[in-house]
PDB file of N, CA and C in Angstrom:
ATOM      1  N   MET A   1       6.395 -10.590  -5.226  1.00  0.00           N
ATOM      2  CA  MET A   1       5.053 -10.057  -5.397  1.00  0.00           C
ATOM      3  C   MET A   1       4.581 -10.366  -6.816  1.00  0.00           C
ATOM      4  N   THR A   2       4.010  -9.406  -7.475  1.00  0.00           N
ATOM      5  CA  THR A   2       3.379  -9.684  -8.756  1.00  0.00           C
ATOM      6  C   THR A   2       4.210  -9.180  -9.925  1.00  0.00           C
ATOM      7  N   VAL A   3       3.881  -9.670 -11.122  1.00  0.00           N
ATOM      8  CA  VAL A   3       4.625  -9.364 -12.326  1.00  0.00           C
ATOM      9  C   VAL A   3       4.475  -7.906 -12.749  1.00  0.00           C
ATOM     10  N   HIS A   4       3.366  -7.280 -12.418  1.00  0.00           N
ATOM     11  CA  HIS A   4       3.074  -5.923 -12.894  1.00  0.00           C
ATOM     12  C   HIS A   4       3.910  -4.856 -12.220  1.00  0.00           C
ATOM     13  N   GLY A   5       4.707  -5.217 -11.251  1.00  0.00           N
ATOM     14  CA  GLY A   5       5.585  -4.247 -10.608  1.00  0.00           C
ATOM     15  C   GLY A   5       5.018  -3.733  -9.304  1.00  0.00           C
ATOM     16  N   ILE A   6       5.912  -3.410  -8.414  1.00  0.00           N
ATOM     17  CA  ILE A   6       5.532  -3.009  -7.057  1.00  0.00           C
ATOM     18  C   ILE A   6       4.871  -1.633  -7.026  1.00  0.00           C
ATOM     19  N   TRP A   7       5.108  -0.787  -8.034  1.00  0.00           N
ATOM     20  CA  TRP A   7       4.600   0.589  -8.027  1.00  0.00           C
ATOM     21  C   TRP A   7       3.407   0.781  -8.964  1.00  0.00           C
ATOM     22  N   SER A   8       2.865  -0.307  -9.511  1.00  0.00           N
ATOM     23  CA  SER A   8       1.728  -0.222 -10.430  1.00  0.00           C
ATOM     24  C   SER A   8       0.605  -1.138  -9.965  1.00  0.00           C
ATOM     25  N   TYR A   9      -0.628  -0.689 -10.194  1.00  0.00           N
ATOM     26  CA  TYR A   9      -1.764  -1.559  -9.920  1.00  0.00           C
ATOM     27  C   TYR A   9      -1.760  -2.708 -10.910  1.00  0.00           C
ATOM     28  N   ALA A  10      -2.265  -3.853 -10.488  1.00  0.00           N
ATOM     29  CA  ALA A  10      -2.434  -4.979 -11.396  1.00  0.00           C
ATOM     30  C   ALA A  10      -3.391  -4.552 -12.502  1.00  0.00           C
ATOM     31  N   PRO A  11      -3.148  -5.003 -13.726  1.00  0.00           N
ATOM     32  CA  PRO A  11      -3.983  -4.586 -14.860  1.00  0.00           C
ATOM     33  C   PRO A  11      -5.484  -4.854 -14.669  1.00  0.00           C
ATOM     34  N   GLU A  12      -5.833  -5.891 -13.934  1.00  0.00           N
ATOM     35  CA  GLU A  12      -7.259  -6.221 -13.760  1.00  0.00           C
ATOM     36  C   GLU A  12      -8.034  -5.179 -12.954  1.00  0.00           C
ATOM     37  N   PHE A  13      -7.354  -4.260 -12.278  1.00  0.00           N
ATOM     38  CA  PHE A  13      -8.059  -3.246 -11.486  1.00  0.00           C
ATOM     39  C   PHE A  13      -8.605  -2.121 -12.334  1.00  0.00           C
ATOM     40  N   ASP A  14      -7.938  -1.820 -13.463  1.00  0.00           N
ATOM     41  CA  ASP A  14      -8.370  -0.721 -14.312  1.00  0.00           C
ATOM     42  C   ASP A  14      -8.676   0.495 -13.440  1.00  0.00           C
ATOM     43  N   HIS A  15      -7.769   0.796 -12.520  1.00  0.00           N
ATOM     44  CA  HIS A  15      -7.944   1.875 -11.553  1.00  0.00           C
ATOM     45  C   HIS A  15      -7.946   3.229 -12.261  1.00  0.00           C
ATOM     46  N   PRO A  16      -9.065   3.949 -12.235  1.00  0.00           N
ATOM     47  CA  PRO A  16      -9.112   5.250 -12.917  1.00  0.00           C
ATOM     48  C   PRO A  16      -8.177   6.258 -12.262  1.00  0.00           C
ATOM     49  N   GLU A  17      -7.470   7.024 -13.089  1.00  0.00           N
ATOM     50  CA  GLU A  17      -6.491   7.991 -12.599  1.00  0.00           C
ATOM     51  C   GLU A  17      -7.049   8.927 -11.534  1.00  0.00           C
ATOM     52  N   GLY A  18      -8.228   9.492 -11.755  1.00  0.00           N
ATOM     53  CA  GLY A  18      -8.759  10.485 -10.839  1.00  0.00           C
ATOM     54  C   GLY A  18      -9.509   9.931  -9.635  1.00  0.00           C
ATOM     55  N   HIS A  19      -9.659   8.609  -9.545  1.00  0.00           N
ATOM     56  CA  HIS A  19     -10.443   8.014  -8.459  1.00  0.00           C
ATOM     57  C   HIS A  19      -9.675   8.090  -7.141  1.00  0.00           C
ATOM     58  N   ASP A  20     -10.242   8.787  -6.187  1.00  0.00           N
ATOM     59  CA  ASP A  20      -9.588   8.989  -4.893  1.00  0.00           C
ATOM     60  C   ASP A  20      -9.919   7.846  -3.942  1.00  0.00           C
ATOM     61  N   LEU A  21      -8.890   7.208  -3.409  1.00  0.00           N
ATOM     62  CA  LEU A  21      -9.074   6.088  -2.476  1.00  0.00           C
ATOM     63  C   LEU A  21      -8.992   6.524  -1.018  1.00  0.00           C
ATOM     64  N   ALA A  22      -8.804   7.822  -0.771  1.00  0.00           N
ATOM     65  CA  ALA A  22      -8.721   8.313   0.613  1.00  0.00           C
ATOM     66  C   ALA A  22      -9.977   7.912   1.381  1.00  0.00           C
ATOM     67  N   GLY A  23      -9.754   7.389   2.580  1.00  0.00           N
ATOM     68  CA  GLY A  23     -10.861   6.955   3.425  1.00  0.00           C
ATOM     69  C   GLY A  23     -11.183   5.474   3.291  1.00  0.00           C
ATOM     70  N   TYR A  24     -10.736   4.817   2.233  1.00  0.00           N
ATOM     71  CA  TYR A  24     -10.974   3.382   2.081  1.00  0.00           C
ATOM     72  C   TYR A  24     -10.278   2.647   3.227  1.00  0.00           C
ATOM     73  N   SER A  25     -10.925   1.615   3.759  1.00  0.00           N
ATOM     74  CA  SER A  25     -10.267   0.783   4.764  1.00  0.00           C
ATOM     75  C   SER A  25      -9.277  -0.127   4.052  1.00  0.00           C
ATOM     76  N   VAL A  26      -8.226  -0.540   4.780  1.00  0.00           N
ATOM     77  CA  VAL A  26      -7.197  -1.400   4.206  1.00  0.00           C
ATOM     78  C   VAL A  26      -7.106  -2.664   5.046  1.00  0.00           C
ATOM     79  N   GLU A  27      -7.261  -3.803   4.356  1.00  0.00           N
ATOM     80  CA  GLU A  27      -7.240  -5.109   5.006  1.00  0.00           C
ATOM     81  C   GLU A  27      -6.006  -5.885   4.563  1.00  0.00           C
ATOM     82  N   ALA A  28      -5.265  -6.402   5.527  1.00  0.00           N
ATOM     83  CA  ALA A  28      -4.162  -7.320   5.239  1.00  0.00           C
ATOM     84  C   ALA A  28      -4.760  -8.723   5.129  1.00  0.00           C
ATOM     85  N   THR A  29      -3.931  -9.712   4.860  1.00  0.00           N
ATOM     86  CA  THR A  29      -4.434 -11.078   4.743  1.00  0.00           C
ATOM     87  C   THR A  29      -4.953 -11.610   6.079  1.00  0.00           C
ATOM     88  N   ASP A  30      -4.560 -10.936   7.186  1.00  0.00           N
ATOM     89  CA  ASP A  30      -4.961 -11.419   8.506  1.00  0.00           C
ATOM     90  C   ASP A  30      -5.633 -10.350   9.371  1.00  0.00           C
ATOM     91  N   GLY A  31      -6.217  -9.340   8.745  1.00  0.00           N
ATOM     92  CA  GLY A  31      -6.961  -8.351   9.527  1.00  0.00           C
ATOM     93  C   GLY A  31      -6.760  -6.924   9.039  1.00  0.00           C
ATOM     94  N   THR A  32      -7.500  -6.027   9.635  1.00  0.00           N
ATOM     95  CA  THR A  32      -7.478  -4.618   9.264  1.00  0.00           C
ATOM     96  C   THR A  32      -6.170  -3.958   9.683  1.00  0.00           C
ATOM     97  N   ILE A  33      -5.655  -3.081   8.802  1.00  0.00           N
ATOM     98  CA  ILE A  33      -4.448  -2.326   9.180  1.00  0.00           C
ATOM     99  C   ILE A  33      -4.730  -0.836   9.310  1.00  0.00           C
ATOM    100  N   GLY A  34      -5.830  -0.357   8.772  1.00  0.00           N
ATOM    101  CA  GLY A  34      -6.144   1.068   8.890  1.00  0.00           C
ATOM    102  C   GLY A  34      -6.942   1.567   7.716  1.00  0.00           C
ATOM    103  N   HIS A  35      -6.727   2.840   7.360  1.00  0.00           N
ATOM    104  CA  HIS A  35      -7.435   3.430   6.218  1.00  0.00           C
ATOM    105  C   HIS A  35      -6.476   4.300   5.411  1.00  0.00           C
ATOM    106  N   VAL A  36      -6.810   4.462   4.127  1.00  0.00           N
ATOM    107  CA  VAL A  36      -5.975   5.273   3.247  1.00  0.00           C
ATOM    108  C   VAL A  36      -6.118   6.735   3.647  1.00  0.00           C
ATOM    109  N   ASP A  37      -5.000   7.339   3.997  1.00  0.00           N
ATOM    110  CA  ASP A  37      -4.968   8.755   4.314  1.00  0.00           C
ATOM    111  C   ASP A  37      -4.860   9.556   3.012  1.00  0.00           C
ATOM    112  N   ARG A  38      -3.982   9.085   2.120  1.00  0.00           N
ATOM    113  CA  ARG A  38      -3.814   9.723   0.816  1.00  0.00           C
ATOM    114  C   ARG A  38      -3.082   8.774  -0.121  1.00  0.00           C
ATOM    115  N   GLN A  39      -3.146   9.095  -1.395  1.00  0.00           N
ATOM    116  CA  GLN A  39      -2.433   8.313  -2.397  1.00  0.00           C
ATOM    117  C   GLN A  39      -1.505   9.256  -3.151  1.00  0.00           C
ATOM    118  N   ALA A  40      -0.443   8.702  -3.720  1.00  0.00           N
ATOM    119  CA  ALA A  40       0.523   9.541  -4.423  1.00  0.00           C
ATOM    120  C   ALA A  40       1.137   8.772  -5.580  1.00  0.00           C
ATOM    121  N   ASP A  41       1.657   9.535  -6.535  1.00  0.00           N
ATOM    122  CA  ASP A  41       2.344   8.970  -7.693  1.00  0.00           C
ATOM    123  C   ASP A  41       3.522   9.878  -8.006  1.00  0.00           C
ATOM    124  N   HIS A  42       4.604   9.710  -7.270  1.00  0.00           N
ATOM    125  CA  HIS A  42       5.802  10.519  -7.487  1.00  0.00           C
ATOM    126  C   HIS A  42       6.765   9.740  -8.362  1.00  0.00           C
ATOM    127  N   SER A  43       7.085  10.305  -9.499  1.00  0.00           N
ATOM    128  CA  SER A  43       8.041   9.687 -10.435  1.00  0.00           C
ATOM    129  C   SER A  43       7.614   8.269 -10.813  1.00  0.00           C
ATOM    130  N   GLY A  44       6.311   8.055 -10.985  1.00  0.00           N
ATOM    131  CA  GLY A  44       5.821   6.741 -11.374  1.00  0.00           C
ATOM    132  C   GLY A  44       5.812   5.720 -10.259  1.00  0.00           C
ATOM    133  N   MET A  45       6.052   6.152  -9.028  1.00  0.00           N
ATOM    134  CA  MET A  45       6.060   5.239  -7.887  1.00  0.00           C
ATOM    135  C   MET A  45       4.755   5.419  -7.113  1.00  0.00           C
ATOM    136  N   ARG A  46       3.702   4.776  -7.609  1.00  0.00           N
ATOM    137  CA  ARG A  46       2.378   4.927  -7.006  1.00  0.00           C
ATOM    138  C   ARG A  46       2.317   4.199  -5.672  1.00  0.00           C
ATOM    139  N   HIS A  47       1.760   4.884  -4.681  1.00  0.00           N
ATOM    140  CA  HIS A  47       1.671   4.285  -3.358  1.00  0.00           C
ATOM    141  C   HIS A  47       0.534   4.916  -2.562  1.00  0.00           C
ATOM    142  N   LEU A  48       0.199   4.231  -1.479  1.00  0.00           N
ATOM    143  CA  LEU A  48      -0.825   4.693  -0.543  1.00  0.00           C
ATOM    144  C   LEU A  48      -0.145   4.987   0.782  1.00  0.00           C
ATOM    145  N   VAL A  49      -0.562   6.066   1.423  1.00  0.00           N
ATOM    146  CA  VAL A  49      -0.132   6.323   2.801  1.00  0.00           C
ATOM    147  C   VAL A  49      -1.312   5.898   3.661  1.00  0.00           C
ATOM    148  N   VAL A  50      -1.073   4.888   4.489  1.00  0.00           N
ATOM    149  CA  VAL A  50      -2.133   4.279   5.291  1.00  0.00           C
ATOM    150  C   VAL A  50      -1.970   4.686   6.751  1.00  0.00           C
ATOM    151  N   ASP A  51      -3.024   5.274   7.291  1.00  0.00           N
ATOM    152  CA  ASP A  51      -3.061   5.629   8.715  1.00  0.00           C
ATOM    153  C   ASP A  51      -3.463   4.375   9.469  1.00  0.00           C
ATOM    154  N   THR A  52      -2.570   3.894  10.332  1.00  0.00           N
ATOM    155  CA  THR A  52      -2.846   2.648  11.058  1.00  0.00           C
ATOM    156  C   THR A  52      -3.691   2.870  12.308  1.00  0.00           C
ATOM    157  N   GLY A  53      -3.974   4.132  12.626  1.00  0.00           N
ATOM    158  CA  GLY A  53      -4.871   4.439  13.741  1.00  0.00           C
ATOM    159  C   GLY A  53      -4.469   3.767  15.032  1.00  0.00           C
ATOM    160  N   VAL A  54      -5.422   3.110  15.671  1.00  0.00           N
ATOM    161  CA  VAL A  54      -5.172   2.499  16.978  1.00  0.00           C
ATOM    162  C   VAL A  54      -4.355   1.217  16.905  1.00  0.00           C
ATOM    163  N   TRP A  55      -4.269   0.612  15.705  1.00  0.00           N
ATOM    164  CA  TRP A  55      -3.520  -0.636  15.582  1.00  0.00           C
ATOM    165  C   TRP A  55      -2.048  -0.402  15.934  1.00  0.00           C
ATOM    166  N   VAL A  56      -1.416   0.598  15.316  1.00  0.00           N
ATOM    167  CA  VAL A  56      -0.056   1.002  15.670  1.00  0.00           C
ATOM    168  C   VAL A  56      -0.175   2.495  15.938  1.00  0.00           C
ATOM    169  N   PHE A  57      -0.455   2.851  17.164  1.00  0.00           N
ATOM    170  CA  PHE A  57      -0.833   4.203  17.564  1.00  0.00           C
ATOM    171  C   PHE A  57       0.043   5.287  16.933  1.00  0.00           C
ATOM    172  N   GLY A  58      -0.614   6.220  16.244  1.00  0.00           N
ATOM    173  CA  GLY A  58       0.059   7.392  15.705  1.00  0.00           C
ATOM    174  C   GLY A  58       1.021   7.120  14.566  1.00  0.00           C
ATOM    175  N   LYS A  59       0.877   6.011  13.883  1.00  0.00           N
ATOM    176  CA  LYS A  59       1.813   5.662  12.831  1.00  0.00           C
ATOM    177  C   LYS A  59       1.100   5.570  11.490  1.00  0.00           C
ATOM    178  N   SER A  60       1.795   5.992  10.464  1.00  0.00           N
ATOM    179  CA  SER A  60       1.342   5.771   9.097  1.00  0.00           C
ATOM    180  C   SER A  60       2.368   4.885   8.415  1.00  0.00           C
ATOM    181  N   VAL A  61       1.939   4.162   7.396  1.00  0.00           N
ATOM    182  CA  VAL A  61       2.845   3.320   6.625  1.00  0.00           C
ATOM    183  C   VAL A  61       2.659   3.637   5.144  1.00  0.00           C
ATOM    184  N   LEU A  62       3.720   3.483   4.379  1.00  0.00           N
ATOM    185  CA  LEU A  62       3.669   3.676   2.942  1.00  0.00           C
ATOM    186  C   LEU A  62       3.557   2.301   2.303  1.00  0.00           C
ATOM    187  N   VAL A  63       2.533   2.120   1.478  1.00  0.00           N
ATOM    188  CA  VAL A  63       2.276   0.829   0.853  1.00  0.00           C
ATOM    189  C   VAL A  63       2.266   0.998  -0.664  1.00  0.00           C
ATOM    190  N   PRO A  64       3.217   0.373  -1.382  1.00  0.00           N
ATOM    191  CA  PRO A  64       3.195   0.433  -2.844  1.00  0.00           C
ATOM    192  C   PRO A  64       1.921  -0.223  -3.380  1.00  0.00           C
ATOM    193  N   VAL A  65       1.356   0.334  -4.452  1.00  0.00           N
ATOM    194  CA  VAL A  65       0.085  -0.184  -4.966  1.00  0.00           C
ATOM    195  C   VAL A  65       0.218  -1.572  -5.586  1.00  0.00           C
ATOM    196  N   GLY A  66       1.440  -2.019  -5.836  1.00  0.00           N
ATOM    197  CA  GLY A  66       1.643  -3.355  -6.392  1.00  0.00           C
ATOM    198  C   GLY A  66       1.262  -4.474  -5.454  1.00  0.00           C
ATOM    199  N   VAL A  67       1.075  -4.187  -4.161  1.00  0.00           N
ATOM    200  CA  VAL A  67       0.658  -5.225  -3.217  1.00  0.00           C
ATOM    201  C   VAL A  67      -0.863  -5.252  -3.048  1.00  0.00           C
ATOM    202  N   VAL A  68      -1.563  -4.362  -3.756  1.00  0.00           N
ATOM    203  CA  VAL A  68      -3.030  -4.356  -3.680  1.00  0.00           C
ATOM    204  C   VAL A  68      -3.562  -5.591  -4.396  1.00  0.00           C
ATOM    205  N   ALA A  69      -4.362  -6.373  -3.692  1.00  0.00           N
ATOM    206  CA  ALA A  69      -4.943  -7.590  -4.248  1.00  0.00           C
ATOM    207  C   ALA A  69      -6.371  -7.356  -4.740  1.00  0.00           C
ATOM    208  N   ARG A  70      -7.059  -6.382  -4.145  1.00  0.00           N
ATOM    209  CA  ARG A  70      -8.466  -6.152  -4.493  1.00  0.00           C
ATOM    210  C   ARG A  70      -8.873  -4.751  -4.068  1.00  0.00           C
ATOM    211  N   ILE A  71      -9.676  -4.106  -4.903  1.00  0.00           N
ATOM    212  CA  ILE A  71     -10.287  -2.826  -4.563  1.00  0.00           C
ATOM    213  C   ILE A  71     -11.790  -3.009  -4.700  1.00  0.00           C
ATOM    214  N   ASP A  72     -12.515  -2.763  -3.613  1.00  0.00           N
ATOM    215  CA  ASP A  72     -13.972  -2.891  -3.626  1.00  0.00           C
ATOM    216  C   ASP A  72     -14.592  -1.509  -3.414  1.00  0.00           C
ATOM    217  N   PRO A  73     -14.971  -0.830  -4.523  1.00  0.00           N
ATOM    218  CA  PRO A  73     -15.531   0.516  -4.399  1.00  0.00           C
ATOM    219  C   PRO A  73     -16.846   0.550  -3.617  1.00  0.00           C
ATOM    220  N   GLU A  74     -17.621  -0.528  -3.701  1.00  0.00           N
ATOM    221  CA  GLU A  74     -18.920  -0.560  -3.020  1.00  0.00           C
ATOM    222  C   GLU A  74     -18.763  -0.486  -1.504  1.00  0.00           C
ATOM    223  N   SER A  75     -17.838  -1.283  -0.965  1.00  0.00           N
ATOM    224  CA  SER A  75     -17.618  -1.274   0.485  1.00  0.00           C
ATOM    225  C   SER A  75     -16.467  -0.346   0.880  1.00  0.00           C
ATOM    226  N   GLN A  76     -15.853   0.302  -0.102  1.00  0.00           N
ATOM    227  CA  GLN A  76     -14.702   1.185   0.115  1.00  0.00           C
ATOM    228  C   GLN A  76     -13.620   0.467   0.929  1.00  0.00           C
ATOM    229  N   LYS A  77     -13.222  -0.696   0.378  1.00  0.00           N
ATOM    230  CA  LYS A  77     -12.223  -1.517   1.049  1.00  0.00           C
ATOM    231  C   LYS A  77     -11.143  -1.949   0.057  1.00  0.00           C
ATOM    232  N   ILE A  78      -9.899  -1.889   0.506  1.00  0.00           N
ATOM    233  CA  ILE A  78      -8.752  -2.349  -0.267  1.00  0.00           C
ATOM    234  C   ILE A  78      -8.139  -3.518   0.491  1.00  0.00           C
ATOM    235  N   THR A  79      -7.850  -4.597  -0.229  1.00  0.00           N
ATOM    236  CA  THR A  79      -7.183  -5.749   0.372  1.00  0.00           C
ATOM    237  C   THR A  79      -5.775  -5.812  -0.204  1.00  0.00           C
ATOM    238  N   VAL A  80      -4.790  -6.032   0.661  1.00  0.00           N
ATOM    239  CA  VAL A  80      -3.400  -6.133   0.221  1.00  0.00           C
ATOM    240  C   VAL A  80      -2.881  -7.547   0.439  1.00  0.00           C
ATOM    241  N   GLU A  81      -1.834  -7.907  -0.316  1.00  0.00           N
ATOM    242  CA  GLU A  81      -1.247  -9.251  -0.280  1.00  0.00           C
ATOM    243  C   GLU A  81      -0.184  -9.396   0.809  1.00  0.00           C
ATOM    244  N   CYS A  82      -0.374  -8.756   1.934  1.00  0.00           N
ATOM    245  CA  CYS A  82       0.614  -8.791   3.023  1.00  0.00           C
ATOM    246  C   CYS A  82      -0.090  -9.109   4.337  1.00  0.00           C
ATOM    247  N   THR A  83       0.675  -9.583   5.286  1.00  0.00           N
ATOM    248  CA  THR A  83       0.144  -9.770   6.631  1.00  0.00           C
ATOM    249  C   THR A  83       0.311  -8.463   7.405  1.00  0.00           C
ATOM    250  N   ARG A  84      -0.353  -8.377   8.510  1.00  0.00           N
ATOM    251  CA  ARG A  84      -0.208  -7.203   9.387  1.00  0.00           C
ATOM    252  C   ARG A  84       1.243  -7.059   9.851  1.00  0.00           C
ATOM    253  N   GLU A  85       1.885  -8.154  10.188  1.00  0.00           N
ATOM    254  CA  GLU A  85       3.274  -8.110  10.651  1.00  0.00           C
ATOM    255  C   GLU A  85       4.203  -7.629   9.540  1.00  0.00           C
ATOM    256  N   GLU A  86       3.964  -8.058   8.303  1.00  0.00           N
ATOM    257  CA  GLU A  86       4.799  -7.606   7.188  1.00  0.00           C
ATOM    258  C   GLU A  86       4.655  -6.091   6.979  1.00  0.00           C
ATOM    259  N   ILE A  87       3.440  -5.583   7.095  1.00  0.00           N
ATOM    260  CA  ILE A  87       3.208  -4.140   6.965  1.00  0.00           C
ATOM    261  C   ILE A  87       3.913  -3.416   8.119  1.00  0.00           C
ATOM    262  N   LYS A  88       3.752  -3.932   9.322  1.00  0.00           N
ATOM    263  CA  LYS A  88       4.355  -3.312  10.506  1.00  0.00           C
ATOM    264  C   LYS A  88       5.884  -3.307  10.428  1.00  0.00           C
ATOM    265  N   SER A  89       6.472  -4.311   9.786  1.00  0.00           N
ATOM    266  CA  SER A  89       7.927  -4.437   9.687  1.00  0.00           C
ATOM    267  C   SER A  89       8.529  -3.681   8.501  1.00  0.00           C
ATOM    268  N   ALA A  90       7.705  -3.060   7.690  1.00  0.00           N
ATOM    269  CA  ALA A  90       8.198  -2.310   6.525  1.00  0.00           C
ATOM    270  C   ALA A  90       9.050  -1.128   6.986  1.00  0.00           C
ATOM    271  N   PRO A  91       9.887  -0.589   6.091  1.00  0.00           N
ATOM    272  CA  PRO A  91      10.693   0.584   6.458  1.00  0.00           C
ATOM    273  C   PRO A  91       9.817   1.697   7.032  1.00  0.00           C
ATOM    274  N   ALA A  92      10.265   2.277   8.117  1.00  0.00           N
ATOM    275  CA  ALA A  92       9.487   3.292   8.847  1.00  0.00           C
ATOM    276  C   ALA A  92       9.164   4.490   7.967  1.00  0.00           C
ATOM    277  N   PHE A  93       7.937   4.962   8.070  1.00  0.00           N
ATOM    278  CA  PHE A  93       7.488   6.169   7.376  1.00  0.00           C
ATOM    279  C   PHE A  93       7.324   7.243   8.437  1.00  0.00           C
ATOM    280  N   LYS A  94       8.083   8.331   8.290  1.00  0.00           N
ATOM    281  CA  LYS A  94       8.049   9.369   9.326  1.00  0.00           C
ATOM    282  C   LYS A  94       7.439  10.678   8.856  1.00  0.00           C
ATOM    283  N   THR A  95       7.792  11.105   7.633  1.00  0.00           N
ATOM    284  CA  THR A  95       7.301  12.403   7.149  1.00  0.00           C
ATOM    285  C   THR A  95       6.913  12.321   5.682  1.00  0.00           C
ATOM    286  N   ASP A  96       6.102  13.280   5.255  1.00  0.00           N
ATOM    287  CA  ASP A  96       5.685  13.331   3.858  1.00  0.00           C
ATOM    288  C   ASP A  96       6.855  13.540   2.905  1.00  0.00           C
ATOM    289  N   ARG A  97       7.958  14.122   3.378  1.00  0.00           N
ATOM    290  CA  ARG A  97       9.136  14.303   2.513  1.00  0.00           C
ATOM    291  C   ARG A  97       9.617  12.965   1.978  1.00  0.00           C
ATOM    292  N   GLU A  98       9.406  11.892   2.725  1.00  0.00           N
ATOM    293  CA  GLU A  98       9.870  10.575   2.291  1.00  0.00           C
ATOM    294  C   GLU A  98       9.149  10.097   1.040  1.00  0.00           C
ATOM    295  N   THR A  99       7.922  10.581   0.804  1.00  0.00           N
ATOM    296  CA  THR A  99       7.215  10.165  -0.412  1.00  0.00           C
ATOM    297  C   THR A  99       7.867  10.756  -1.656  1.00  0.00           C
ATOM    298  N   LEU A 100       8.767  11.725  -1.477  1.00  0.00           N
ATOM    299  CA  LEU A 100       9.495  12.336  -2.591  1.00  0.00           C
ATOM    300  C   LEU A 100      10.946  11.879  -2.658  1.00  0.00           C
ATOM    301  N   ASP A 101      11.378  11.070  -1.711  1.00  0.00           N
ATOM    302  CA  ASP A 101      12.770  10.642  -1.613  1.00  0.00           C
ATOM    303  C   ASP A 101      12.979   9.332  -2.371  1.00  0.00           C
ATOM    304  N   PRO A 102      13.660   9.373  -3.528  1.00  0.00           N
ATOM    305  CA  PRO A 102      13.866   8.154  -4.315  1.00  0.00           C
ATOM    306  C   PRO A 102      14.581   7.042  -3.539  1.00  0.00           C
ATOM    307  N   ALA A 103      15.522   7.403  -2.663  1.00  0.00           N
ATOM    308  CA  ALA A 103      16.245   6.379  -1.891  1.00  0.00           C
ATOM    309  C   ALA A 103      15.293   5.662  -0.927  1.00  0.00           C
ATOM    310  N   TYR A 104      14.444   6.427  -0.239  1.00  0.00           N
ATOM    311  CA  TYR A 104      13.479   5.813   0.681  1.00  0.00           C
ATOM    312  C   TYR A 104      12.497   4.935  -0.100  1.00  0.00           C
ATOM    313  N   LEU A 105      11.957   5.463  -1.206  1.00  0.00           N
ATOM    314  CA  LEU A 105      11.000   4.691  -2.001  1.00  0.00           C
ATOM    315  C   LEU A 105      11.644   3.411  -2.538  1.00  0.00           C
ATOM    316  N   SER A 106      12.911   3.485  -2.922  1.00  0.00           N
ATOM    317  CA  SER A 106      13.620   2.305  -3.397  1.00  0.00           C
ATOM    318  C   SER A 106      13.745   1.262  -2.287  1.00  0.00           C
ATOM    319  N   THR A 107      14.033   1.712  -1.068  1.00  0.00           N
ATOM    320  CA  THR A 107      14.136   0.810   0.081  1.00  0.00           C
ATOM    321  C   THR A 107      12.789   0.135   0.346  1.00  0.00           C
ATOM    322  N   VAL A 108      11.721   0.920   0.296  1.00  0.00           N
ATOM    323  CA  VAL A 108      10.371   0.369   0.501  1.00  0.00           C
ATOM    324  C   VAL A 108      10.049  -0.646  -0.598  1.00  0.00           C
ATOM    325  N   GLY A 109      10.325  -0.283  -1.843  1.00  0.00           N
ATOM    326  CA  GLY A 109      10.057  -1.184  -2.960  1.00  0.00           C
ATOM    327  C   GLY A 109      10.801  -2.495  -2.828  1.00  0.00           C
ATOM    328  N   SER A 110      12.074  -2.426  -2.458  1.00  0.00           N
ATOM    329  CA  SER A 110      12.886  -3.647  -2.272  1.00  0.00           C
ATOM    330  C   SER A 110      12.319  -4.514  -1.159  1.00  0.00           C
ATOM    331  N   TYR A 111      11.865  -3.875  -0.075  1.00  0.00           N
ATOM    332  CA  TYR A 111      11.284  -4.630   1.039  1.00  0.00           C
ATOM    333  C   TYR A 111      10.062  -5.422   0.558  1.00  0.00           C
ATOM    334  N   TYR A 112       9.124  -4.749  -0.080  1.00  0.00           N
ATOM    335  CA  TYR A 112       7.889  -5.418  -0.501  1.00  0.00           C
ATOM    336  C   TYR A 112       8.138  -6.450  -1.601  1.00  0.00           C
ATOM    337  N   GLN A 113       9.077  -6.180  -2.506  1.00  0.00           N
ATOM    338  CA  GLN A 113       9.394  -7.161  -3.550  1.00  0.00           C
ATOM    339  C   GLN A 113      10.016  -8.418  -2.962  1.00  0.00           C
ATOM    340  N   GLY A 114      10.647  -8.290  -1.807  1.00  0.00           N
ATOM    341  CA  GLY A 114      11.287  -9.426  -1.163  1.00  0.00           C
ATOM    342  C   GLY A 114      10.348 -10.299  -0.342  1.00  0.00           C
ATOM    343  N   LEU A 115       9.089  -9.872  -0.217  1.00  0.00           N
ATOM    344  CA  LEU A 115       8.125 -10.676   0.552  1.00  0.00           C
ATOM    345  C   LEU A 115       7.758 -11.933  -0.219  1.00  0.00           C
ATOM    346  N   PRO A 116       7.370 -12.986   0.486  1.00  0.00           N
ATOM    347  CA  PRO A 116       6.990 -14.221  -0.210  1.00  0.00           C
ATOM    348  C   PRO A 116       5.750 -14.011  -1.080  1.00  0.00           C
ATOM    349  N   PRO A 117       5.735 -14.640  -2.260  1.00  0.00           N
ATOM    350  CA  PRO A 117       4.559 -14.505  -3.136  1.00  0.00           C
ATOM    351  C   PRO A 117       3.338 -15.174  -2.538  1.00  0.00           C
ATOM    352  N   ARG A 118       2.182 -14.658  -2.891  1.00  0.00           N
ATOM    353  CA  ARG A 118       0.904 -15.210  -2.428  1.00  0.00           C
ATOM    354  C   ARG A 118       0.018 -15.456  -3.631  1.00  0.00           C
ATOM    355  N   GLY A 119      -0.959 -16.302  -3.444  1.00  0.00           N
ATOM    356  CA  GLY A 119      -1.923 -16.575  -4.507  1.00  0.00           C
ATOM    357  C   GLY A 119      -2.958 -15.460  -4.568  1.00  0.00           C
ATOM    358  N   PRO A 120      -3.889 -15.560  -5.494  1.00  0.00           N
ATOM    359  CA  PRO A 120      -4.939 -14.556  -5.620  1.00  0.00           C
ATOM    360  C   PRO A 120      -5.787 -14.451  -4.358  1.00  0.00           C
ATOM    361  N   ALA A 121      -6.235 -13.228  -4.053  1.00  0.00           N
ATOM    362  CA  ALA A 121      -7.052 -12.996  -2.841  1.00  0.00           C
ATOM    363  C   ALA A 121      -8.451 -13.496  -3.041  1.00  0.00           C
TER     364      ALA A 121
END
């Protein structure tokens, strides 16, 4: 992925601390994956919990902010540097307790860091 780390936004985003991304749609490189249900920053591991809605019925996924390629506040859309299949194949997210589990977050981070690099969106 990118040099800035899997748990940090790229410096060019200048993402304000208090800016809530809940409700923003999330686009993979090959289509919509859902919308941001909530965002979190536990122990410096910033991530989004994305509700995949009808795409993967009843499932949410945890997405580290380091894969965010673009944030468009005007259209309330976030683009990530992953395909839909890569998001779907990420370690399963079952409960909110996992957002506090360092072992689970480490597994998620390793998965996303192992994805092939992509160019700018």
